[in-house]
Amino acid sequence: MEEVKQKNKPLVDLLLDGADELVKKAKKPFIRKKLKRAFESAVDSAEEKKVDAEIKIQDLRKELVKDPEKAEKLLNDIIEQKTIIERADKTIGIVNNEKEAWFE
């Protein structure tokens, strides 16, 4: 009977039911180390995207000075890169908050 109830539960409920078990397992050193690495990797990836976008912005600005006729396209490209930076900043904040929640 319990198995039938489990099959009919929404996926979110099943995940939340398993969250308590995951938190218990996360207290084990190996799991903690793996989770920390995953959080650090996510932050590193977002920071790489930021740096790449900042470099691209510098290149676009140089190109804008050289060829003002392409101003509209180049400005749109700069805006796109700034959006990437903003998303990366948000991602870093979210990952750091999540990391704190797991390891407080």
Protein backbone atom coordinates (compact mmCIF):
# COMPACT_ATOMS: atom_id res chain seq x y z
CA MET A 1 0.00 0.00 0.00
CA GLU A 2 2.84 2.39 0.89
CA GLU A 3 4.49 1.63 -2.45
CA VAL A 4 1.34 2.67 -4.32
CA LYS A 5 1.26 5.97 -2.42
CA GLN A 6 4.91 6.57 -3.35
CA LYS A 7 4.21 6.02 -7.06
CA ASN A 8 1.33 8.50 -7.04
CA LYS A 9 3.28 11.24 -5.25
CA PRO A 10 4.48 14.19 -7.31
CA LEU A 11 8.19 14.23 -8.06
CA VAL A 12 8.74 17.31 -5.91
CA ASP A 13 7.29 15.53 -2.87
CA LEU A 14 9.51 12.51 -3.48
CA LEU A 15 12.55 14.77 -3.72
CA LEU A 16 11.62 16.61 -0.55
CA ASP A 17 11.07 13.33 1.28
CA GLY A 18 14.56 12.28 0.24
CA ALA A 19 16.09 15.63 1.24
CA ASP A 20 16.21 14.69 4.92
CA GLU A 21 18.09 11.52 4.08
CA LEU A 22 20.44 13.46 1.84
CA VAL A 23 21.18 15.97 4.61
CA LYS A 24 22.00 13.09 6.97
CA LYS A 25 24.34 11.56 4.41
CA ALA A 26 25.86 14.97 3.67
CA LYS A 27 27.30 15.02 7.17
CA LYS A 28 29.68 12.23 6.15
CA PRO A 29 33.15 13.61 5.29
CA PHE A 30 33.35 12.13 1.78
CA ILE A 31 29.95 13.49 0.77
CA ARG A 32 30.71 16.88 2.33
CA LYS A 33 33.96 17.11 0.38
CA LYS A 34 32.22 16.20 -2.88
CA LEU A 35 29.45 18.76 -2.32
CA LYS A 36 31.95 21.49 -1.48
CA ARG A 37 33.86 20.74 -4.67
CA ALA A 38 30.63 20.91 -6.67
CA PHE A 39 29.76 24.31 -5.18
CA GLU A 40 33.31 25.59 -5.79
CA SER A 41 33.19 24.32 -9.36
CA ALA A 42 29.92 26.15 -10.00
CA VAL A 43 31.39 29.40 -8.66
CA ASP A 44 34.57 28.93 -10.72
CA SER A 45 32.52 28.38 -13.86
CA ALA A 46 30.47 31.52 -13.27
CA GLU A 47 33.62 33.55 -12.58
CA GLU A 48 35.17 32.29 -15.81
CA LYS A 49 32.10 33.42 -17.73
CA LYS A 50 32.41 36.85 -16.12
CA VAL A 51 36.07 37.21 -17.05
CA ASP A 52 35.41 36.07 -20.61
CA ALA A 53 32.57 38.57 -20.95
CA GLU A 54 34.70 41.41 -19.54
CA ILE A 55 37.46 40.63 -22.04
CA LYS A 56 34.90 40.54 -24.85
CA ILE A 57 33.54 43.95 -23.75
CA GLN A 58 37.03 45.46 -23.94
CA ASP A 59 37.49 44.03 -27.44
CA LEU A 60 34.09 45.34 -28.53
CA ARG A 61 34.90 48.82 -27.21
CA LYS A 62 38.17 48.85 -29.16
CA GLU A 63 36.30 47.78 -32.28
CA LEU A 64 33.71 50.50 -31.67
CA VAL A 65 36.45 53.15 -31.68
CA LYS A 66 37.94 51.71 -34.89
CA ASP A 67 34.65 51.33 -36.74
CA PRO A 68 31.85 53.62 -35.47
CA GLU A 69 29.62 52.57 -38.37
CA LYS A 70 29.01 49.27 -36.60
CA ALA A 71 27.96 51.10 -33.42
CA GLU A 72 24.46 49.65 -33.16
CA LYS A 73 25.59 46.03 -33.45
CA LEU A 74 28.60 46.52 -31.20
CA LEU A 75 26.54 48.24 -28.51
CA ASN A 76 24.04 45.40 -28.60
CA ASP A 77 26.93 42.94 -28.21
CA ILE A 78 28.25 44.92 -25.23
CA ILE A 79 24.81 44.85 -23.63
CA GLU A 80 24.65 41.10 -24.18
CA GLN A 81 28.03 40.63 -22.48
CA LYS A 82 26.95 42.81 -19.55
CA THR A 83 23.87 40.62 -19.19
CA ILE A 84 26.14 37.57 -19.02
CA ILE A 85 28.12 39.27 -16.24
CA GLU A 86 24.94 40.05 -14.29
CA ARG A 87 23.74 36.44 -14.63
CA ALA A 88 27.12 35.16 -13.49
CA ASP A 89 26.99 37.44 -10.42
CA LYS A 90 23.51 36.16 -9.57
CA THR A 91 24.66 32.58 -10.03
CA ILE A 92 27.60 33.11 -7.70
CA GLY A 93 25.28 34.59 -5.06
CA ILE A 94 22.81 31.73 -5.35
CA VAL A 95 25.53 29.08 -5.17
CA ASN A 96 27.12 30.74 -2.13
CA ASN A 97 23.72 30.96 -0.37
CA GLU A 98 23.03 27.32 -1.13
CA LYS A 99 26.49 26.33 0.10
CA GLU A 100 25.88 28.19 3.36
CA ALA A 101 22.53 26.45 3.77
CA TRP A 102 24.19 23.04 3.39
CA PHE A 103 27.18 23.69 5.62
CA GLU A 104 25.97 25.99 8.37
